[in-house]
Amino acid sequence: MTSFSRSARSEGEARYRQMLDQAPSFIWKRFADGVSLRMRMFAPKGHKAEAFAPAVMFFCGGMWALEYSTEFVSWAMHLAHRGIVCLLPEFRTHARYGVRADDIIGDGLDAWKWLHHNAANLGIDVARITLAGADAGGLMALNCAMQPMVHEKKWWQFNKEDVLPLQPACVAIFRGVVDTDAPEARQLNIPAEVPNPDSVNPCALLRRKLPPLFCAHGMLDPLLDFEMRQWFCDEWERLGNTVELILSPTADHTITQFDVSPATFEQLLLGWEDFMVREAIWPEPEVETDALMV
């Protein structure tokens, strides 16, 4: 990352931190030790409980070691102007709370279940919720979307019936972790802190009947190589699932940051919007957007 990139990112984080602190929020989870987790909400102007709007829940990056809750504020602001409700949940991390990897992944699943249960009260169409995330946040989004099928057998049936688990309408990952066995994921400490590591490894959870996947990655990323994401998307599609992969030849690990590269940010966001409109999850934009609302 260049000194300019570091400066732009630092200035952007300070500005987005202020916006995040000013956003409406509520506690979505409490623990017996007194810890409370908040959910920040960016909603369209005039949003009401009867709106029945599409929504995105963003899990921030930081590999569970950095405080990076501002990462998707610029995305949420733009999408709220598009009529999409955006939610940024707090979850516990190694660095801040000293919890185990399975606790963090559990927070992600609980946030998804909480949103699904409370969607109607928030003016959200439960059938059009997307889960999104970056690096370890991408892993959390994938884990929610790729839960294994439940095999049920009724007393009057000879064969078991596959029952789909709770699924989002779509999952989106930006430089997301897709293989917890890879060296790039070592710091997540999943093999030592999850009783059954394969149960949270996206590579081990690939199957048919998964939701549409949008994946974006910078080809200059020195921490997470793009070829792993490319292979993962190929496997997703090979199994009969829908996928859209955008590889940015000039982007690095800061691919999600508007302040580092507005052009890359615009390319990714508009590419994602096109995909979501084609999948009939987001509505067509009412007017052509000349400038992103960030």
Protein backbone atom coordinates (compact mmCIF):
# COMPACT_ATOMS: atom_id res chain seq x y z
CA MET A 1 0.00 0.00 0.00
CA THR A 2 1.41 3.43 -0.92
CA SER A 3 1.75 6.30 1.56
CA PHE A 4 -1.07 8.05 -0.32
CA SER A 5 -3.29 4.98 0.10
CA ARG A 6 -2.56 4.82 3.81
CA SER A 7 -3.33 8.54 4.22
CA ALA A 8 -6.57 8.35 2.21
CA ARG A 9 -7.69 5.28 4.11
CA SER A 10 -6.92 6.89 7.48
CA GLU A 11 -8.84 10.06 6.63
CA GLY A 12 -11.74 8.03 5.29
CA GLU A 13 -11.90 5.87 8.40
CA ALA A 14 -12.15 8.94 10.65
CA ARG A 15 -14.98 10.37 8.57
CA TYR A 16 -16.83 7.07 8.32
CA ARG A 17 -16.39 6.44 12.05
CA GLN A 18 -18.31 9.64 12.72
CA MET A 19 -21.05 8.59 10.29
CA LEU A 20 -21.20 5.14 11.86
CA ASP A 21 -21.55 6.59 15.35
CA GLN A 22 -24.39 8.82 14.15
CA ALA A 23 -26.31 6.02 12.41
CA PRO A 24 -29.41 4.58 14.10
CA SER A 25 -28.47 1.50 16.08
CA PHE A 26 -29.90 -1.07 18.45
CA ILE A 27 -28.62 -3.95 20.53
CA TRP A 28 -29.12 -7.26 18.77
CA LYS A 29 -27.32 -9.60 21.19
CA ARG A 30 -26.47 -9.60 24.90
CA PHE A 31 -24.22 -11.92 26.88
CA ALA A 32 -24.28 -12.95 30.52
CA ASP A 33 -20.92 -11.22 31.12
CA GLY A 34 -22.45 -7.84 30.24
CA VAL A 35 -21.18 -7.59 26.66
CA SER A 36 -23.71 -6.15 24.20
CA LEU A 37 -23.43 -6.12 20.41
CA ARG A 38 -25.03 -3.33 18.39
CA MET A 39 -26.42 -3.27 14.87
CA ARG A 40 -26.04 -0.08 12.80
CA MET A 41 -28.69 0.58 10.18
CA PHE A 42 -28.50 2.74 7.04
CA ALA A 43 -31.98 3.00 5.56
CA PRO A 44 -33.48 4.87 2.58
CA LYS A 45 -34.92 8.29 3.30
CA GLY A 46 -38.43 7.99 4.71
CA HIS A 47 -38.06 4.25 5.24
CA LYS A 48 -41.03 2.68 7.05
CA ALA A 49 -41.86 -0.70 8.53
CA GLU A 50 -44.18 -1.49 5.63
CA ALA A 51 -41.54 -0.72 2.97
CA PHE A 52 -40.69 -4.38 2.21
CA ALA A 53 -37.26 -3.30 0.95
CA PRO A 54 -34.26 -5.44 -0.03
CA ALA A 55 -31.42 -5.48 2.45
CA VAL A 56 -27.72 -6.24 2.85
CA MET A 57 -25.95 -7.28 6.03
CA PHE A 58 -22.22 -6.50 5.89
CA PHE A 59 -19.62 -8.35 7.96
CA CYS A 60 -16.51 -6.16 8.09
CA GLY A 61 -12.97 -7.36 7.46
CA GLY A 62 -9.88 -7.12 9.64
CA MET A 63 -9.19 -10.88 9.98
CA TRP A 64 -10.64 -10.72 13.52
CA ALA A 65 -7.48 -8.88 14.61
CA LEU A 66 -8.18 -5.27 13.52
CA GLU A 67 -11.07 -2.95 14.38
CA TYR A 68 -12.45 -2.27 10.90
CA SER A 69 -16.15 -1.64 11.46
CA THR A 70 -16.11 1.41 9.15
CA GLU A 71 -15.18 -0.61 6.07
CA PHE A 72 -18.63 -0.75 4.49
CA VAL A 73 -20.03 2.62 5.56
CA SER A 74 -19.49 4.12 2.10
CA TRP A 75 -21.21 1.12 0.51
CA ALA A 76 -24.13 1.36 2.92
CA MET A 77 -24.59 5.07 2.25
CA HIS A 78 -24.75 4.58 -1.50
CA LEU A 79 -27.08 1.59 -1.34
CA ALA A 80 -29.43 3.36 1.07
CA HIS A 81 -29.86 6.05 -1.60
CA ARG A 82 -30.75 3.18 -3.97
CA GLY A 83 -33.59 2.05 -1.69
CA ILE A 84 -31.69 -0.80 -0.03
CA VAL A 85 -31.51 -1.18 3.75
CA CYS A 86 -27.97 -1.87 4.99
CA LEU A 87 -27.06 -3.33 8.36
CA LEU A 88 -23.61 -3.43 9.95
CA PRO A 89 -23.58 -5.80 12.94
CA GLU A 90 -20.99 -5.79 15.67
CA PHE A 91 -19.51 -9.19 16.41
CA ARG A 92 -16.87 -10.32 18.86
CA THR A 93 -13.25 -10.69 17.66
CA HIS A 94 -10.00 -12.24 18.83
CA ALA A 95 -8.44 -8.84 19.39
CA ARG A 96 -11.18 -7.01 21.24
CA TYR A 97 -12.88 -9.77 23.22
CA GLY A 98 -10.38 -12.62 23.32
CA VAL A 99 -12.96 -15.14 22.13
CA ARG A 100 -12.43 -18.27 20.06
CA ALA A 101 -13.01 -18.64 16.34
CA ASP A 102 -16.14 -20.72 16.86
CA ASP A 103 -17.60 -17.93 19.03
CA ILE A 104 -17.01 -15.38 16.25
CA ILE A 105 -18.54 -17.59 13.58
CA GLY A 106 -21.44 -18.24 15.93
CA ASP A 107 -22.02 -14.49 16.23
CA GLY A 108 -22.26 -14.29 12.45
CA LEU A 109 -24.85 -17.06 12.28
CA ASP A 110 -26.81 -15.52 15.13
CA ALA A 111 -26.81 -12.12 13.41
CA TRP A 112 -28.19 -13.71 10.24
CA LYS A 113 -30.90 -15.59 12.15
CA TRP A 114 -31.76 -12.45 14.12
CA LEU A 115 -32.17 -10.39 10.95
CA HIS A 116 -34.26 -13.07 9.27
CA HIS A 117 -36.55 -13.23 12.31
CA ASN A 118 -36.89 -9.43 12.66
CA ALA A 119 -36.96 -8.45 8.97
CA ALA A 120 -40.65 -7.53 8.87
CA ASN A 121 -40.33 -5.17 11.85
CA LEU A 122 -37.45 -3.41 10.08
CA GLY A 123 -39.32 -2.94 6.79
CA ILE A 124 -37.21 -5.58 5.04
CA ASP A 125 -38.30 -8.20 2.52
CA VAL A 126 -37.06 -11.43 4.11
CA ALA A 127 -36.77 -13.04 0.66
CA ARG A 128 -34.33 -10.36 -0.56
CA ILE A 129 -31.65 -10.29 2.13
CA THR A 130 -28.03 -10.48 0.97
CA LEU A 131 -25.10 -11.36 3.21
CA ALA A 132 -21.79 -9.72 2.36
CA GLY A 133 -18.33 -9.44 3.85
CA ALA A 134 -14.61 -8.85 3.37
CA ASP A 135 -11.74 -11.24 4.24
CA ALA A 136 -12.83 -13.01 7.48
CA GLY A 137 -16.18 -11.20 7.19
CA GLY A 138 -16.55 -12.85 3.80
CA LEU A 139 -15.93 -16.19 5.48
CA MET A 140 -18.72 -15.38 7.96
CA ALA A 141 -21.12 -14.51 5.13
CA LEU A 142 -20.26 -17.72 3.28
CA ASN A 143 -20.68 -19.80 6.43
CA CYS A 144 -24.21 -18.43 6.88
CA ALA A 145 -25.08 -19.08 3.23
CA MET A 146 -23.52 -22.55 2.94
CA GLN A 147 -25.00 -24.37 5.92
CA PRO A 148 -25.38 -28.08 5.04
CA MET A 149 -28.71 -29.53 4.05
CA VAL A 150 -30.76 -31.24 6.72
CA HIS A 151 -31.69 -34.84 6.01
CA GLU A 152 -35.18 -35.54 7.31
CA LYS A 153 -36.99 -38.86 7.28
CA LYS A 154 -40.73 -39.02 7.89
CA TRP A 155 -42.14 -42.16 9.47
CA TRP A 156 -44.17 -42.93 6.34
CA GLN A 157 -41.22 -42.47 3.95
CA PHE A 158 -38.52 -44.96 3.02
CA ASN A 159 -36.09 -42.33 1.76
CA LYS A 160 -34.67 -39.31 3.49
CA GLU A 161 -35.58 -35.90 2.13
CA ASP A 162 -33.03 -33.10 1.75
CA VAL A 163 -34.30 -29.92 3.38
CA LEU A 164 -32.63 -26.63 2.51
CA PRO A 165 -31.28 -24.67 5.48
CA LEU A 166 -32.04 -21.00 6.07
CA GLN A 167 -30.45 -19.19 3.11
CA PRO A 168 -30.01 -15.57 2.04
CA ALA A 169 -31.09 -14.43 -1.41
CA CYS A 170 -27.44 -13.85 -2.33
CA VAL A 171 -23.96 -13.83 -0.81
CA ALA A 172 -21.23 -11.33 -1.78
CA ILE A 173 -17.55 -11.51 -0.84
CA PHE A 174 -14.85 -8.91 -1.35
CA ARG A 175 -11.33 -10.41 -1.01
CA GLY A 176 -13.11 -13.05 1.06
CA VAL A 177 -11.49 -16.00 2.81
CA VAL A 178 -12.69 -19.15 1.04
CA ASP A 179 -10.30 -21.82 2.40
CA THR A 180 -9.64 -21.96 6.13
CA ASP A 181 -6.83 -24.49 5.57
CA ALA A 182 -4.85 -22.07 3.39
CA PRO A 183 -1.80 -20.24 4.84
CA GLU A 184 -3.61 -16.91 4.29
CA ALA A 185 -6.19 -17.93 6.92
CA ARG A 186 -3.71 -19.15 9.54
CA GLN A 187 -4.21 -16.17 11.87
CA LEU A 188 -7.92 -17.01 12.23
CA ASN A 189 -6.80 -20.06 14.23
CA ILE A 190 -9.75 -22.13 13.07
CA PRO A 191 -8.15 -25.62 13.25
CA ALA A 192 -7.37 -25.08 16.94
CA GLU A 193 -10.56 -23.26 17.94
CA VAL A 194 -13.35 -24.97 16.00
CA PRO A 195 -14.20 -28.57 17.02
CA ASN A 196 -14.91 -29.60 13.42
CA PRO A 197 -12.90 -27.21 11.19
CA ASP A 198 -14.38 -28.56 7.94
CA SER A 199 -17.83 -27.51 9.16
CA VAL A 200 -16.86 -23.85 8.61
CA ASN A 201 -14.52 -24.25 5.62
CA PRO A 202 -16.25 -22.98 2.45
CA CYS A 203 -14.18 -25.36 0.31
CA ALA A 204 -15.65 -28.29 2.24
CA LEU A 205 -19.19 -26.91 2.06
CA LEU A 206 -19.49 -26.54 -1.71
CA ARG A 207 -22.64 -28.23 -3.02
CA ARG A 208 -25.63 -27.79 -5.28
CA LYS A 209 -28.53 -25.46 -4.44
CA LEU A 210 -26.47 -22.60 -3.04
CA PRO A 211 -27.60 -18.97 -3.43
CA PRO A 212 -26.10 -16.71 -6.11
CA LEU A 213 -22.53 -15.60 -5.35
CA PHE A 214 -20.92 -12.27 -6.22
CA CYS A 215 -17.15 -12.24 -5.73
CA ALA A 216 -14.72 -9.35 -6.23
CA HIS A 217 -10.96 -9.41 -5.75
CA GLY A 218 -7.92 -7.28 -6.51
CA MET A 219 -5.29 -9.04 -8.60
CA LEU A 220 -2.54 -7.09 -6.80
CA ASP A 221 -3.66 -8.20 -3.33
CA PRO A 222 -0.48 -9.37 -1.52
CA LEU A 223 -2.37 -11.05 1.33
CA LEU A 224 -5.10 -13.06 -0.40
CA ASP A 225 -4.29 -14.32 -3.90
CA PHE A 226 -6.95 -13.93 -6.56
CA GLU A 227 -6.41 -17.41 -8.02
CA MET A 228 -7.92 -19.08 -4.95
CA ARG A 229 -11.09 -16.98 -5.36
CA GLN A 230 -11.13 -17.76 -9.07
CA TRP A 231 -10.98 -21.51 -8.38
CA PHE A 232 -13.70 -21.23 -5.74
CA CYS A 233 -16.05 -19.42 -8.13
CA ASP A 234 -15.40 -22.02 -10.83
CA GLU A 235 -16.37 -24.78 -8.39
CA TRP A 236 -19.46 -22.85 -7.28
CA GLU A 237 -20.60 -22.63 -10.89
CA ARG A 238 -19.58 -26.20 -11.78
CA LEU A 239 -22.05 -27.44 -9.17
CA GLY A 240 -24.89 -25.63 -10.94
CA ASN A 241 -24.95 -22.45 -8.86
CA THR A 242 -24.98 -18.86 -10.15
CA VAL A 243 -21.80 -16.81 -9.76
CA GLU A 244 -20.33 -13.49 -10.89
CA LEU A 245 -16.59 -12.87 -10.48
CA ILE A 246 -14.95 -9.47 -10.93
CA LEU A 247 -11.14 -9.37 -10.87
CA SER A 248 -9.66 -5.88 -10.76
CA PRO A 249 -6.16 -5.82 -12.34
CA THR A 250 -5.16 -2.58 -10.58
CA ALA A 251 -6.64 -3.19 -7.11
CA ASP A 252 -4.93 -4.56 -4.00
CA HIS A 253 -6.17 -5.38 -0.48
CA THR A 254 -7.85 -1.96 -0.28
CA ILE A 255 -10.34 -2.94 -2.97
CA THR A 256 -13.36 -1.99 -0.82
CA GLN A 257 -12.12 1.53 -0.04
CA PHE A 258 -13.70 4.46 -1.88
CA ASP A 259 -11.08 6.90 -0.56
CA VAL A 260 -8.18 4.84 -1.92
CA SER A 261 -9.55 4.31 -5.43
CA PRO A 262 -12.92 5.85 -6.36
CA ALA A 263 -12.68 4.32 -9.84
CA THR A 264 -12.27 0.78 -8.50
CA PHE A 265 -15.01 1.33 -5.94
CA GLU A 266 -17.39 2.48 -8.67
CA GLN A 267 -16.50 -0.45 -10.92
CA LEU A 268 -17.19 -2.98 -8.18
CA LEU A 269 -20.34 -1.38 -6.82
CA LEU A 270 -21.95 -0.88 -10.21
CA GLY A 271 -20.94 -4.40 -11.26
CA TRP A 272 -22.57 -5.75 -8.12
CA GLU A 273 -25.70 -3.68 -8.76
CA ASP A 274 -25.99 -5.04 -12.31
CA PHE A 275 -25.71 -8.60 -11.01
CA MET A 276 -28.30 -8.06 -8.29
CA VAL A 277 -30.77 -6.49 -10.74
CA ARG A 278 -30.32 -9.43 -13.13
CA GLU A 279 -31.04 -11.81 -10.26
CA ALA A 280 -34.22 -9.81 -9.47
CA ILE A 281 -33.06 -9.14 -5.90
CA TRP A 282 -32.61 -5.38 -6.27
CA PRO A 283 -34.89 -3.10 -8.30
CA GLU A 284 -33.76 -1.29 -11.39
CA PRO A 285 -32.37 2.17 -10.55
CA GLU A 286 -35.02 4.83 -11.01
CA VAL A 287 -32.58 7.17 -12.74
CA GLU A 288 -29.12 6.82 -14.19
CA THR A 289 -26.53 7.53 -11.50
CA ASP A 290 -23.93 10.09 -12.57
CA ALA A 291 -22.07 10.06 -9.26
CA LEU A 292 -21.95 7.60 -6.42
CA MET A 293 -23.57 8.76 -3.20
CA VAL A 294 -20.73 8.45 -0.71
